[in-house]
Amino acid sequence: MGVIYAISPLESEVSHYLRTLGVDVPQKPSRYPTPKEVRDVCGALSDFNVEMFSPPDHAWQIVIQGINDADNEPWTMVNISSFNGDENAPHHLSFSKGWPSLILRIVRALTVHCGPLAGC
């Protein structure tokens, strides 16, 4: 059984709803990250092995694993589907399986570039 965490920009309607619940949501524009931003953020994870793959079917993936013990350290797979060849254009982002703590670390770093992001 697989788990996929889809990441998307935080839409204004959702932001408004969260604020009515008392959640502090930044009031700034939000967008999908670019592949370049994703690669830069993942490449900055100095405590992990980071491998990028771009298969011929236009899927784009980064595999992130712990350096010392890949079986017992945090890991995840970052996916950009329907990659159009433009690393500076925003693309849909998801994570296949992995450790939520590592996924959250990556998403938090991406928000610096993209604004608030939501996951489901």
Protein backbone atom coordinates (compact mmCIF):
# COMPACT_ATOMS: atom_id res chain seq x y z
CA MET A 1 0.00 0.00 0.00
CA GLY A 2 1.38 3.39 -0.97
CA VAL A 3 1.03 6.84 0.53
CA ILE A 4 1.16 10.00 -1.55
CA TYR A 5 1.24 13.47 -0.04
CA ALA A 6 0.07 16.07 -2.58
CA ILE A 7 1.26 19.63 -2.02
CA SER A 8 -0.58 22.65 -3.41
CA PRO A 9 -0.74 26.43 -3.01
CA LEU A 10 -2.95 27.62 -0.17
CA GLU A 11 -6.00 29.12 -1.89
CA SER A 12 -7.62 32.28 -0.52
CA GLU A 13 -10.88 30.48 0.39
CA VAL A 14 -8.99 27.93 2.48
CA SER A 15 -6.85 30.66 4.06
CA HIS A 16 -10.00 32.57 5.03
CA TYR A 17 -11.59 29.43 6.50
CA LEU A 18 -8.47 28.63 8.53
CA ARG A 19 -8.37 32.17 9.89
CA THR A 20 -11.99 31.82 11.09
CA LEU A 21 -10.79 28.79 13.07
CA GLY A 22 -8.03 30.88 14.66
CA VAL A 23 -5.18 29.50 12.57
CA ASP A 24 -2.47 32.07 11.80
CA VAL A 25 -2.07 31.94 8.00
CA PRO A 26 0.37 34.26 6.21
CA GLN A 27 -1.35 36.71 3.92
CA LYS A 28 0.92 36.42 0.92
CA PRO A 29 0.54 34.95 -2.56
CA SER A 30 1.03 31.23 -2.98
CA ARG A 31 2.03 29.12 -5.98
CA TYR A 32 3.40 25.71 -6.87
CA PRO A 33 7.21 25.42 -6.59
CA THR A 34 9.45 25.26 -9.62
CA PRO A 35 11.65 22.20 -10.23
CA LYS A 36 14.69 24.45 -9.73
CA GLU A 37 13.42 25.52 -6.30
CA VAL A 38 12.72 21.90 -5.38
CA ARG A 39 16.19 20.83 -6.50
CA ASP A 40 17.83 23.72 -4.61
CA VAL A 41 15.94 22.95 -1.38
CA CYS A 42 16.61 19.20 -1.59
CA GLY A 43 20.24 19.77 -2.58
CA ALA A 44 20.72 21.84 0.58
CA LEU A 45 19.92 18.79 2.74
CA SER A 46 23.57 18.16 3.61
CA ASP A 47 22.70 15.32 5.99
CA PHE A 48 21.07 13.23 3.21
CA ASN A 49 21.95 11.50 -0.04
CA VAL A 50 19.97 13.20 -2.81
CA GLU A 51 19.53 11.61 -6.27
CA MET A 52 17.54 13.17 -9.11
CA PHE A 53 15.88 11.15 -11.88
CA SER A 54 14.14 12.36 -15.02
CA PRO A 55 12.72 9.34 -16.87
CA PRO A 56 11.68 9.63 -20.51
CA ASP A 57 7.97 9.73 -19.61
CA HIS A 58 8.39 13.32 -18.38
CA ALA A 59 8.09 12.44 -14.72
CA TRP A 60 10.69 14.02 -12.48
CA GLN A 61 11.75 12.52 -9.15
CA ILE A 62 14.23 13.09 -6.35
CA VAL A 63 15.05 10.27 -3.93
CA ILE A 64 16.29 11.44 -0.52
CA GLN A 65 17.82 8.98 1.96
CA GLY A 66 19.80 9.17 5.17
CA ILE A 67 23.56 9.07 4.71
CA ASN A 68 24.52 6.50 7.35
CA ASP A 69 21.66 3.99 7.49
CA ALA A 70 19.19 4.29 4.61
CA ASP A 71 16.92 1.62 6.11
CA ASN A 72 16.46 3.36 9.46
CA GLU A 73 16.92 7.06 8.74
CA PRO A 74 14.36 9.49 7.27
CA TRP A 75 13.75 9.17 3.53
CA THR A 76 11.18 10.22 0.91
CA MET A 77 10.62 10.50 -2.84
CA VAL A 78 9.76 13.91 -4.31
CA ASN A 79 7.71 13.82 -7.52
CA ILE A 80 6.94 16.40 -10.15
CA SER A 81 4.54 14.93 -12.68
CA SER A 82 4.02 16.26 -16.19
CA PHE A 83 7.40 18.00 -16.20
CA ASN A 84 7.39 20.25 -19.26
CA GLY A 85 11.13 20.81 -19.48
CA ASP A 86 11.03 24.30 -17.94
CA GLU A 87 12.73 24.20 -14.53
CA ASN A 88 11.62 27.77 -13.79
CA ALA A 89 7.89 27.14 -14.28
CA PRO A 90 5.70 26.11 -11.33
CA HIS A 91 4.75 22.41 -11.33
CA HIS A 92 2.53 20.12 -9.24
CA LEU A 93 4.43 18.48 -6.41
CA SER A 94 3.91 15.31 -4.39
CA PHE A 95 5.83 13.00 -2.08
CA SER A 96 5.64 9.21 -2.36
CA LYS A 97 5.82 7.58 1.03
CA GLY A 98 8.61 8.53 3.37
CA TRP A 99 8.96 10.17 6.75
CA PRO A 100 6.52 13.02 7.44
CA SER A 101 9.21 14.90 9.40
CA LEU A 102 11.46 15.04 6.32
CA ILE A 103 8.56 15.95 4.02
CA LEU A 104 7.57 18.78 6.36
CA ARG A 105 11.17 20.02 6.46
CA ILE A 106 11.23 20.23 2.65
CA VAL A 107 7.80 21.87 2.39
CA ARG A 108 8.71 24.46 5.02
CA ALA A 109 11.85 25.36 3.07
CA LEU A 110 9.82 25.67 -0.15
CA THR A 111 7.38 28.12 1.45
CA VAL A 112 10.16 30.71 1.54
CA HIS A 113 10.00 30.74 -2.28
CA CYS A 114 6.34 29.88 -2.92
CA GLY A 115 4.32 31.23 -0.05
CA PRO A 116 2.01 29.07 2.05
CA LEU A 117 1.54 25.47 0.89
CA ALA A 118 -1.04 22.90 1.92
CA GLY A 119 -0.79 19.13 1.88
CA CYS A 120 -3.28 16.33 1.67
